[in-house]
Amino acid sequence: MIGWRRIVVTVGEKIGKSHLTYAQGASAELVAMATIGAADGFGLPVSTTHVLSSGVAGTMVANGSGLQWETVRNLAMAWVLTLPVAMMLSAGLFVLFVNIF
């Protein structure tokens, strides 16, 4: 609810070297819809933001527009670090709450 604008700007303007065309946006959304639907059907957890960002990057590569590798690197690092950091934070809070109560 708070950081939506930053996500929209990153996905829409900072992944590729050019702005999304309508066709690229539609293609990325259709791929995201199919991927999220398939993951739901198999009961797999996926991040809608990750799926859509990957779809946008794919359209940029297919169009020959190119990628802004600094943004792609930052997204990849966020994806890789999210799980272990969330695990450590939740474990730390659990230990804290168990000792307080």
PDB file of N, CA and C in Angstrom:
ATOM      1  N   MET A   1       0.804  -1.192   0.000  1.00  0.00           N
ATOM      2  CA  MET A   1       0.000   0.000   0.000  1.00  0.00           C
ATOM      3  C   MET A   1       0.850   1.260   0.000  1.00  0.00           C
ATOM      4  N   ILE A   2       2.048   1.178   0.542  1.00  0.00           N
ATOM      5  CA  ILE A   2       2.858   2.383   0.680  1.00  0.00           C
ATOM      6  C   ILE A   2       3.825   2.541  -0.484  1.00  0.00           C
ATOM      7  N   GLY A   3       4.493   1.469  -0.893  1.00  0.00           N
ATOM      8  CA  GLY A   3       5.555   1.580  -1.879  1.00  0.00           C
ATOM      9  C   GLY A   3       5.146   1.297  -3.308  1.00  0.00           C
ATOM     10  N   TRP A   4       3.869   1.363  -3.609  1.00  0.00           N
ATOM     11  CA  TRP A   4       3.397   0.985  -4.938  1.00  0.00           C
ATOM     12  C   TRP A   4       3.990   1.848  -6.041  1.00  0.00           C
ATOM     13  N   ARG A   5       4.154   3.131  -5.795  1.00  0.00           N
ATOM     14  CA  ARG A   5       4.644   4.024  -6.846  1.00  0.00           C
ATOM     15  C   ARG A   5       6.065   3.643  -7.264  1.00  0.00           C
ATOM     16  N   ARG A   6       6.896   3.310  -6.294  1.00  0.00           N
ATOM     17  CA  ARG A   6       8.274   2.919  -6.596  1.00  0.00           C
ATOM     18  C   ARG A   6       8.303   1.638  -7.426  1.00  0.00           C
ATOM     19  N   ILE A   7       7.436   0.699  -7.097  1.00  0.00           N
ATOM     20  CA  ILE A   7       7.368  -0.551  -7.848  1.00  0.00           C
ATOM     21  C   ILE A   7       6.908  -0.293  -9.274  1.00  0.00           C
ATOM     22  N   VAL A   8       5.888   0.517  -9.425  1.00  0.00           N
ATOM     23  CA  VAL A   8       5.359   0.811 -10.763  1.00  0.00           C
ATOM     24  C   VAL A   8       6.411   1.494 -11.626  1.00  0.00           C
ATOM     25  N   VAL A   9       7.125   2.449 -11.068  1.00  0.00           N
ATOM     26  CA  VAL A   9       8.163   3.148 -11.835  1.00  0.00           C
ATOM     27  C   VAL A   9       9.293   2.196 -12.198  1.00  0.00           C
ATOM     28  N   THR A  10       9.716   1.366 -11.252  1.00  0.00           N
ATOM     29  CA  THR A  10      10.803   0.421 -11.535  1.00  0.00           C
ATOM     30  C   THR A  10      10.403  -0.559 -12.631  1.00  0.00           C
ATOM     31  N   VAL A  11       9.235  -1.173 -12.507  1.00  0.00           N
ATOM     32  CA  VAL A  11       8.809  -2.165 -13.489  1.00  0.00           C
ATOM     33  C   VAL A  11       8.535  -1.517 -14.844  1.00  0.00           C
ATOM     34  N   GLY A  12       7.896  -0.373 -14.851  1.00  0.00           N
ATOM     35  CA  GLY A  12       7.491   0.242 -16.099  1.00  0.00           C
ATOM     36  C   GLY A  12       8.553   1.047 -16.814  1.00  0.00           C
ATOM     37  N   GLU A  13       9.521   1.591 -16.071  1.00  0.00           N
ATOM     38  CA  GLU A  13      10.461   2.519 -16.688  1.00  0.00           C
ATOM     39  C   GLU A  13      11.935   2.189 -16.508  1.00  0.00           C
ATOM     40  N   LYS A  14      12.281   1.407 -15.504  1.00  0.00           N
ATOM     41  CA  LYS A  14      13.699   1.238 -15.193  1.00  0.00           C
ATOM     42  C   LYS A  14      14.291  -0.117 -15.551  1.00  0.00           C
ATOM     43  N   ILE A  15      13.480  -1.083 -15.940  1.00  0.00           N
ATOM     44  CA  ILE A  15      14.027  -2.393 -16.300  1.00  0.00           C
ATOM     45  C   ILE A  15      14.666  -2.340 -17.670  1.00  0.00           C
ATOM     46  N   GLY A  16      13.961  -1.759 -18.622  1.00  0.00           N
ATOM     47  CA  GLY A  16      14.473  -1.668 -19.986  1.00  0.00           C
ATOM     48  C   GLY A  16      15.075  -0.310 -20.274  1.00  0.00           C
ATOM     49  N   LYS A  17      15.782  -0.252 -21.390  1.00  0.00           N
ATOM     50  CA  LYS A  17      16.400   1.014 -21.786  1.00  0.00           C
ATOM     51  C   LYS A  17      15.415   1.955 -22.462  1.00  0.00           C
ATOM     52  N   SER A  18      14.238   1.435 -22.827  1.00  0.00           N
ATOM     53  CA  SER A  18      13.189   2.283 -23.397  1.00  0.00           C
ATOM     54  C   SER A  18      11.899   2.005 -22.634  1.00  0.00           C
ATOM     55  N   HIS A  19      10.929   2.897 -22.788  1.00  0.00           N
ATOM     56  CA  HIS A  19       9.650   2.695 -22.117  1.00  0.00           C
ATOM     57  C   HIS A  19       8.888   1.543 -22.772  1.00  0.00           C
ATOM     58  N   LEU A  20       8.016   0.929 -22.005  1.00  0.00           N
ATOM     59  CA  LEU A  20       7.199  -0.162 -22.527  1.00  0.00           C
ATOM     60  C   LEU A  20       6.245   0.337 -23.601  1.00  0.00           C
ATOM     61  N   THR A  21       6.084  -0.455 -24.639  1.00  0.00           N
ATOM     62  CA  THR A  21       5.029  -0.191 -25.611  1.00  0.00           C
ATOM     63  C   THR A  21       3.769  -0.906 -25.119  1.00  0.00           C
ATOM     64  N   TYR A  22       2.648  -0.605 -25.745  1.00  0.00           N
ATOM     65  CA  TYR A  22       1.410  -1.284 -25.363  1.00  0.00           C
ATOM     66  C   TYR A  22       1.518  -2.791 -25.585  1.00  0.00           C
ATOM     67  N   ALA A  23       2.131  -3.189 -26.687  1.00  0.00           N
ATOM     68  CA  ALA A  23       2.282  -4.614 -26.984  1.00  0.00           C
ATOM     69  C   ALA A  23       3.172  -5.299 -25.947  1.00  0.00           C
ATOM     70  N   GLN A  24       4.252  -4.639 -25.542  1.00  0.00           N
ATOM     71  CA  GLN A  24       5.125  -5.223 -24.528  1.00  0.00           C
ATOM     72  C   GLN A  24       4.400  -5.358 -23.200  1.00  0.00           C
ATOM     73  N   GLY A  25       3.663  -4.335 -22.826  1.00  0.00           N
ATOM     74  CA  GLY A  25       2.908  -4.389 -21.568  1.00  0.00           C
ATOM     75  C   GLY A  25       1.871  -5.495 -21.584  1.00  0.00           C
ATOM     76  N   ALA A  26       1.147  -5.611 -22.709  1.00  0.00           N
ATOM     77  CA  ALA A  26       0.135  -6.664 -22.818  1.00  0.00           C
ATOM     78  C   ALA A  26       0.789  -8.040 -22.781  1.00  0.00           C
ATOM     79  N   SER A  27       1.900  -8.209 -23.472  1.00  0.00           N
ATOM     80  CA  SER A  27       2.601  -9.500 -23.478  1.00  0.00           C
ATOM     81  C   SER A  27       3.089  -9.867 -22.083  1.00  0.00           C
ATOM     82  N   ALA A  28       3.686  -8.912 -21.394  1.00  0.00           N
ATOM     83  CA  ALA A  28       4.184  -9.172 -20.035  1.00  0.00           C
ATOM     84  C   ALA A  28       3.032  -9.523 -19.095  1.00  0.00           C
ATOM     85  N   GLU A  29       1.910  -8.840 -19.214  1.00  0.00           N
ATOM     86  CA  GLU A  29       0.752  -9.121 -18.361  1.00  0.00           C
ATOM     87  C   GLU A  29       0.152 -10.490 -18.659  1.00  0.00           C
ATOM     88  N   LEU A  30       0.070 -10.858 -19.946  1.00  0.00           N
ATOM     89  CA  LEU A  30      -0.472 -12.171 -20.304  1.00  0.00           C
ATOM     90  C   LEU A  30       0.418 -13.303 -19.793  1.00  0.00           C
ATOM     91  N   VAL A  31       1.725 -13.125 -19.907  1.00  0.00           N
ATOM     92  CA  VAL A  31       2.662 -14.138 -19.397  1.00  0.00           C
ATOM     93  C   VAL A  31       2.559 -14.221 -17.876  1.00  0.00           C
ATOM     94  N   ALA A  32       2.454 -13.078 -17.210  1.00  0.00           N
ATOM     95  CA  ALA A  32       2.303 -13.074 -15.756  1.00  0.00           C
ATOM     96  C   ALA A  32       1.014 -13.782 -15.356  1.00  0.00           C
ATOM     97  N   MET A  33      -0.079 -13.502 -16.071  1.00  0.00           N
ATOM     98  CA  MET A  33      -1.357 -14.139 -15.769  1.00  0.00           C
ATOM     99  C   MET A  33      -1.254 -15.657 -15.905  1.00  0.00           C
ATOM    100  N   ALA A  34      -0.658 -16.118 -16.997  1.00  0.00           N
ATOM    101  CA  ALA A  34      -0.534 -17.557 -17.224  1.00  0.00           C
ATOM    102  C   ALA A  34       0.381 -18.210 -16.195  1.00  0.00           C
ATOM    103  N   THR A  35       1.477 -17.559 -15.873  1.00  0.00           N
ATOM    104  CA  THR A  35       2.423 -18.117 -14.909  1.00  0.00           C
ATOM    105  C   THR A  35       1.816 -18.191 -13.516  1.00  0.00           C
ATOM    106  N   ILE A  36       1.153 -17.128 -13.104  1.00  0.00           N
ATOM    107  CA  ILE A  36       0.529 -17.108 -11.777  1.00  0.00           C
ATOM    108  C   ILE A  36      -0.624 -18.106 -11.722  1.00  0.00           C
ATOM    109  N   GLY A  37      -1.390 -18.216 -12.811  1.00  0.00           N
ATOM    110  CA  GLY A  37      -2.463 -19.204 -12.857  1.00  0.00           C
ATOM    111  C   GLY A  37      -1.937 -20.622 -12.766  1.00  0.00           C
ATOM    112  N   ALA A  38      -0.861 -20.916 -13.488  1.00  0.00           N
ATOM    113  CA  ALA A  38      -0.264 -22.253 -13.430  1.00  0.00           C
ATOM    114  C   ALA A  38       0.295 -22.542 -12.039  1.00  0.00           C
ATOM    115  N   ALA A  39       0.961 -21.562 -11.455  1.00  0.00           N
ATOM    116  CA  ALA A  39       1.501 -21.754 -10.105  1.00  0.00           C
ATOM    117  C   ALA A  39       0.381 -22.005  -9.107  1.00  0.00           C
ATOM    118  N   ASP A  40      -0.730 -21.296  -9.255  1.00  0.00           N
ATOM    119  CA  ASP A  40      -1.878 -21.512  -8.378  1.00  0.00           C
ATOM    120  C   ASP A  40      -2.445 -22.913  -8.561  1.00  0.00           C
ATOM    121  N   GLY A  41      -2.532 -23.357  -9.803  1.00  0.00           N
ATOM    122  CA  GLY A  41      -3.044 -24.690 -10.080  1.00  0.00           C
ATOM    123  C   GLY A  41      -2.194 -25.789  -9.459  1.00  0.00           C
ATOM    124  N   PHE A  42      -0.880 -25.574  -9.414  1.00  0.00           N
ATOM    125  CA  PHE A  42       0.025 -26.545  -8.805  1.00  0.00           C
ATOM    126  C   PHE A  42       0.258 -26.292  -7.319  1.00  0.00           C
ATOM    127  N   GLY A  43      -0.326 -25.223  -6.785  1.00  0.00           N
ATOM    128  CA  GLY A  43      -0.174 -24.910  -5.365  1.00  0.00           C
ATOM    129  C   GLY A  43       1.195 -24.358  -5.014  1.00  0.00           C
ATOM    130  N   LEU A  44       1.842 -23.673  -5.963  1.00  0.00           N
ATOM    131  CA  LEU A  44       3.182 -23.129  -5.731  1.00  0.00           C
ATOM    132  C   LEU A  44       3.108 -21.644  -5.382  1.00  0.00           C
ATOM    133  N   PRO A  45       3.907 -21.212  -4.432  1.00  0.00           N
ATOM    134  CA  PRO A  45       3.912 -19.784  -4.099  1.00  0.00           C
ATOM    135  C   PRO A  45       4.786 -19.006  -5.086  1.00  0.00           C
ATOM    136  N   VAL A  46       4.254 -17.924  -5.612  1.00  0.00           N
ATOM    137  CA  VAL A  46       5.030 -17.052  -6.481  1.00  0.00           C
ATOM    138  C   VAL A  46       4.739 -15.607  -6.107  1.00  0.00           C
ATOM    139  N   SER A  47       5.670 -14.756  -6.402  1.00  0.00           N
ATOM    140  CA  SER A  47       5.495 -13.320  -6.195  1.00  0.00           C
ATOM    141  C   SER A  47       5.021 -12.701  -7.504  1.00  0.00           C
ATOM    142  N   THR A  48       3.895 -12.026  -7.447  1.00  0.00           N
ATOM    143  CA  THR A  48       3.372 -11.414  -8.661  1.00  0.00           C
ATOM    144  C   THR A  48       4.320 -10.353  -9.202  1.00  0.00           C
ATOM    145  N   THR A  49       4.978  -9.637  -8.325  1.00  0.00           N
ATOM    146  CA  THR A  49       5.926  -8.613  -8.759  1.00  0.00           C
ATOM    147  C   THR A  49       7.119  -9.245  -9.459  1.00  0.00           C
ATOM    148  N   HIS A  50       7.623 -10.340  -8.930  1.00  0.00           N
ATOM    149  CA  HIS A  50       8.750 -11.028  -9.556  1.00  0.00           C
ATOM    150  C   HIS A  50       8.372 -11.544 -10.934  1.00  0.00           C
ATOM    151  N   VAL A  51       7.196 -12.143 -11.028  1.00  0.00           N
ATOM    152  CA  VAL A  51       6.750 -12.702 -12.302  1.00  0.00           C
ATOM    153  C   VAL A  51       6.573 -11.596 -13.336  1.00  0.00           C
ATOM    154  N   LEU A  52       5.921 -10.507 -12.952  1.00  0.00           N
ATOM    155  CA  LEU A  52       5.699  -9.418 -13.902  1.00  0.00           C
ATOM    156  C   LEU A  52       7.011  -8.750 -14.300  1.00  0.00           C
ATOM    157  N   SER A  53       7.920  -8.549 -13.360  1.00  0.00           N
ATOM    158  CA  SER A  53       9.218  -7.952 -13.679  1.00  0.00           C
ATOM    159  C   SER A  53       9.989  -8.814 -14.676  1.00  0.00           C
ATOM    160  N   SER A  54       9.927 -10.117 -14.488  1.00  0.00           N
ATOM    161  CA  SER A  54      10.593 -11.026 -15.421  1.00  0.00           C
ATOM    162  C   SER A  54       9.944 -10.971 -16.798  1.00  0.00           C
ATOM    163  N   GLY A  55       8.628 -10.857 -16.832  1.00  0.00           N
ATOM    164  CA  GLY A  55       7.929 -10.734 -18.104  1.00  0.00           C
ATOM    165  C   GLY A  55       8.303  -9.456 -18.839  1.00  0.00           C
ATOM    166  N   VAL A  56       8.400  -8.362 -18.108  1.00  0.00           N
ATOM    167  CA  VAL A  56       8.806  -7.090 -18.717  1.00  0.00           C
ATOM    168  C   VAL A  56      10.230  -7.196 -19.253  1.00  0.00           C
ATOM    169  N   ALA A  57      11.123  -7.800 -18.472  1.00  0.00           N
ATOM    170  CA  ALA A  57      12.504  -7.969 -18.934  1.00  0.00           C
ATOM    171  C   ALA A  57      12.545  -8.830 -20.194  1.00  0.00           C
ATOM    172  N   GLY A  58      11.734  -9.854 -20.240  1.00  0.00           N
ATOM    173  CA  GLY A  58      11.680 -10.702 -21.429  1.00  0.00           C
ATOM    174  C   GLY A  58      11.220  -9.947 -22.665  1.00  0.00           C
ATOM    175  N   THR A  59      10.228  -9.078 -22.514  1.00  0.00           N
ATOM    176  CA  THR A  59       9.765  -8.299 -23.666  1.00  0.00           C
ATOM    177  C   THR A  59      10.826  -7.315 -24.135  1.00  0.00           C
ATOM    178  N   MET A  60      11.584  -6.772 -23.200  1.00  0.00           N
ATOM    179  CA  MET A  60      12.652  -5.839 -23.573  1.00  0.00           C
ATOM    180  C   MET A  60      13.751  -6.552 -24.362  1.00  0.00           C
ATOM    181  N   VAL A  61      14.099  -7.758 -23.929  1.00  0.00           N
ATOM    182  CA  VAL A  61      15.115  -8.535 -24.642  1.00  0.00           C
ATOM    183  C   VAL A  61      14.600  -8.929 -26.019  1.00  0.00           C
ATOM    184  N   ALA A  62      13.348  -9.390 -26.085  1.00  0.00           N
ATOM    185  CA  ALA A  62      12.782  -9.812 -27.366  1.00  0.00           C
ATOM    186  C   ALA A  62      12.655  -8.649 -28.346  1.00  0.00           C
ATOM    187  N   ASN A  63      12.391  -7.455 -27.835  1.00  0.00           N
ATOM    188  CA  ASN A  63      12.250  -6.264 -28.680  1.00  0.00           C
ATOM    189  C   ASN A  63      13.598  -5.701 -29.108  1.00  0.00           C
ATOM    190  N   GLY A  64      14.657  -6.132 -28.458  1.00  0.00           N
ATOM    191  CA  GLY A  64      15.981  -5.596 -28.760  1.00  0.00           C
ATOM    192  C   GLY A  64      16.256  -4.270 -28.081  1.00  0.00           C
ATOM    193  N   SER A  65      15.386  -3.886 -27.152  1.00  0.00           N
ATOM    194  CA  SER A  65      15.547  -2.616 -26.452  1.00  0.00           C
ATOM    195  C   SER A  65      16.730  -2.633 -25.491  1.00  0.00           C
ATOM    196  N   GLY A  66      17.012  -3.784 -24.954  1.00  0.00           N
ATOM    197  CA  GLY A  66      18.094  -3.899 -23.982  1.00  0.00           C
ATOM    198  C   GLY A  66      17.596  -3.684 -22.568  1.00  0.00           C
ATOM    199  N   LEU A  67      18.406  -4.126 -21.628  1.00  0.00           N
ATOM    200  CA  LEU A  67      18.067  -4.029 -20.212  1.00  0.00           C
ATOM    201  C   LEU A  67      19.010  -3.072 -19.505  1.00  0.00           C
ATOM    202  N   GLN A  68      18.505  -2.450 -18.479  1.00  0.00           N
ATOM    203  CA  GLN A  68      19.358  -1.665 -17.588  1.00  0.00           C
ATOM    204  C   GLN A  68      19.854  -2.644 -16.523  1.00  0.00           C
ATOM    205  N   TRP A  69      21.083  -3.097 -16.689  1.00  0.00           N
ATOM    206  CA  TRP A  69      21.598  -4.191 -15.869  1.00  0.00           C
ATOM    207  C   TRP A  69      21.715  -3.837 -14.406  1.00  0.00           C
ATOM    208  N   GLU A  70      21.895  -2.574 -14.071  1.00  0.00           N
ATOM    209  CA  GLU A  70      21.951  -2.186 -12.656  1.00  0.00           C
ATOM    210  C   GLU A  70      20.606  -2.458 -11.977  1.00  0.00           C
ATOM    211  N   THR A  71      19.525  -2.130 -12.664  1.00  0.00           N
ATOM    212  CA  THR A  71      18.195  -2.386 -12.107  1.00  0.00           C
ATOM    213  C   THR A  71      17.937  -3.876 -12.011  1.00  0.00           C
ATOM    214  N   VAL A  72      18.301  -4.633 -13.043  1.00  0.00           N
ATOM    215  CA  VAL A  72      18.107  -6.083 -13.033  1.00  0.00           C
ATOM    216  C   VAL A  72      18.912  -6.705 -11.890  1.00  0.00           C
ATOM    217  N   ARG A  73      20.142  -6.241 -11.702  1.00  0.00           N
ATOM    218  CA  ARG A  73      20.972  -6.747 -10.601  1.00  0.00           C
ATOM    219  C   ARG A  73      20.328  -6.449  -9.249  1.00  0.00           C
ATOM    220  N   ASN A  74      19.817  -5.235  -9.078  1.00  0.00           N
ATOM    221  CA  ASN A  74      19.172  -4.874  -7.813  1.00  0.00           C
ATOM    222  C   ASN A  74      17.927  -5.721  -7.558  1.00  0.00           C
ATOM    223  N   LEU A  75      17.144  -5.974  -8.594  1.00  0.00           N
ATOM    224  CA  LEU A  75      15.971  -6.831  -8.439  1.00  0.00           C
ATOM    225  C   LEU A  75      16.382  -8.250  -8.050  1.00  0.00           C
ATOM    226  N   ALA A  76      17.389  -8.780  -8.729  1.00  0.00           N
ATOM    227  CA  ALA A  76      17.850 -10.141  -8.429  1.00  0.00           C
ATOM    228  C   ALA A  76      18.374 -10.250  -6.997  1.00  0.00           C
ATOM    229  N   MET A  77      19.117  -9.250  -6.564  1.00  0.00           N
ATOM    230  CA  MET A  77      19.634  -9.274  -5.185  1.00  0.00           C
ATOM    231  C   MET A  77      18.480  -9.213  -4.176  1.00  0.00           C
ATOM    232  N   ALA A  78      17.470  -8.420  -4.463  1.00  0.00           N
ATOM    233  CA  ALA A  78      16.314  -8.351  -3.571  1.00  0.00           C
ATOM    234  C   ALA A  78      15.605  -9.700  -3.513  1.00  0.00           C
ATOM    235  N   TRP A  79      15.474 -10.384  -4.676  1.00  0.00           N
ATOM    236  CA  TRP A  79      14.816 -11.684  -4.710  1.00  0.00           C
ATOM    237  C   TRP A  79      15.607 -12.713  -3.931  1.00  0.00           C
ATOM    238  N   VAL A  80      16.923 -12.690  -4.070  1.00  0.00           N
ATOM    239  CA  VAL A  80      17.769 -13.679  -3.397  1.00  0.00           C
ATOM    240  C   VAL A  80      17.811 -13.440  -1.889  1.00  0.00           C
ATOM    241  N   LEU A  81      17.849 -12.189  -1.480  1.00  0.00           N
ATOM    242  CA  LEU A  81      17.997 -11.875  -0.063  1.00  0.00           C
ATOM    243  C   LEU A  81      16.691 -11.877   0.718  1.00  0.00           C
ATOM    244  N   THR A  82      15.551 -11.795   0.054  1.00  0.00           N
ATOM    245  CA  THR A  82      14.274 -11.703   0.758  1.00  0.00           C
ATOM    246  C   THR A  82      14.015 -12.905   1.655  1.00  0.00           C
ATOM    247  N   LEU A  83      14.173 -14.097   1.137  1.00  0.00           N
ATOM    248  CA  LEU A  83      13.860 -15.299   1.909  1.00  0.00           C
ATOM    249  C   LEU A  83      14.747 -15.469   3.146  1.00  0.00           C
ATOM    250  N   PRO A  84      16.089 -15.428   3.020  1.00  0.00           N
ATOM    251  CA  PRO A  84      16.889 -15.625   4.232  1.00  0.00           C
ATOM    252  C   PRO A  84      16.725 -14.499   5.258  1.00  0.00           C
ATOM    253  N   VAL A  85      16.562 -13.277   4.813  1.00  0.00           N
ATOM    254  CA  VAL A  85      16.386 -12.171   5.752  1.00  0.00           C
ATOM    255  C   VAL A  85      15.054 -12.300   6.479  1.00  0.00           C
ATOM    256  N   ALA A  86      13.998 -12.658   5.763  1.00  0.00           N
ATOM    257  CA  ALA A  86      12.696 -12.856   6.402  1.00  0.00           C
ATOM    258  C   ALA A  86      12.748 -14.009   7.407  1.00  0.00           C
ATOM    259  N   MET A  87      13.487 -15.066   7.059  1.00  0.00           N
ATOM    260  CA  MET A  87      13.622 -16.199   7.985  1.00  0.00           C
ATOM    261  C   MET A  87      14.353 -15.787   9.259  1.00  0.00           C
ATOM    262  N   MET A  88      15.451 -15.057   9.096  1.00  0.00           N
ATOM    263  CA  MET A  88      16.208 -14.626  10.283  1.00  0.00           C
ATOM    264  C   MET A  88      15.400 -13.657  11.137  1.00  0.00           C
ATOM    265  N   LEU A  89      14.692 -12.740  10.502  1.00  0.00           N
ATOM    266  CA  LEU A  89      13.886 -11.784  11.242  1.00  0.00           C
ATOM    267  C   LEU A  89      12.760 -12.480  12.000  1.00  0.00           C
ATOM    268  N   SER A  90      12.064 -13.395  11.358  1.00  0.00           N
ATOM    269  CA  SER A  90      10.977 -14.094  12.039  1.00  0.00           C
ATOM    270  C   SER A  90      11.503 -14.977  13.164  1.00  0.00           C
ATOM    271  N   ALA A  91      12.660 -15.623  12.971  1.00  0.00           N
ATOM    272  CA  ALA A  91      13.251 -16.443  14.036  1.00  0.00           C
ATOM    273  C   ALA A  91      13.643 -15.564  15.220  1.00  0.00           C
ATOM    274  N   GLY A  92      14.243 -14.416  14.930  1.00  0.00           N
ATOM    275  CA  GLY A  92      14.622 -13.501  16.011  1.00  0.00           C
ATOM    276  C   GLY A  92      13.423 -12.985  16.774  1.00  0.00           C
ATOM    277  N   LEU A  93      12.362 -12.632  16.075  1.00  0.00           N
ATOM    278  CA  LEU A  93      11.152 -12.163  16.752  1.00  0.00           C
ATOM    279  C   LEU A  93      10.501 -13.274  17.560  1.00  0.00           C
ATOM    280  N   PHE A  94      10.518 -14.494  17.025  1.00  0.00           N
ATOM    281  CA  PHE A  94       9.957 -15.621  17.761  1.00  0.00           C
ATOM    282  C   PHE A  94      10.701 -15.826  19.080  1.00  0.00           C
ATOM    283  N   VAL A  95      12.022 -15.849  19.027  1.00  0.00           N
ATOM    284  CA  VAL A  95      12.822 -16.014  20.243  1.00  0.00           C
ATOM    285  C   VAL A  95      12.544 -14.878  21.222  1.00  0.00           C
ATOM    286  N   LEU A  96      12.465 -13.666  20.730  1.00  0.00           N
ATOM    287  CA  LEU A  96      12.180 -12.510  21.570  1.00  0.00           C
ATOM    288  C   LEU A  96      10.814 -12.658  22.260  1.00  0.00           C
ATOM    289  N   PHE A  97       9.789 -13.021  21.496  1.00  0.00           N
ATOM    290  CA  PHE A  97       8.443 -13.129  22.052  1.00  0.00           C
ATOM    291  C   PHE A  97       8.315 -14.292  23.016  1.00  0.00           C
ATOM    292  N   VAL A  98       8.996 -15.388  22.741  1.00  0.00           N
ATOM    293  CA  VAL A  98       8.956 -16.535  23.641  1.00  0.00           C
ATOM    294  C   VAL A  98       9.582 -16.166  24.983  1.00  0.00           C
ATOM    295  N   ASN A  99      10.663 -15.396  24.945  1.00  0.00           N
ATOM    296  CA  ASN A  99      11.326 -15.020  26.195  1.00  0.00           C
ATOM    297  C   ASN A  99      10.584 -13.917  26.942  1.00  0.00           C
ATOM    298  N   ILE A 100       9.818 -13.102  26.259  1.00  0.00           N
ATOM    299  CA  ILE A 100       9.068 -12.036  26.913  1.00  0.00           C
ATOM    300  C   ILE A 100       7.802 -12.599  27.571  1.00  0.00           C
ATOM    301  N   PHE A 101       7.124 -13.491  26.888  1.00  0.00           N
ATOM    302  CA  PHE A 101       5.860 -14.030  27.386  1.00  0.00           C
ATOM    303  C   PHE A 101       6.116 -15.358  27.988  1.00  0.00           C
TER     304      PHE A 101
END
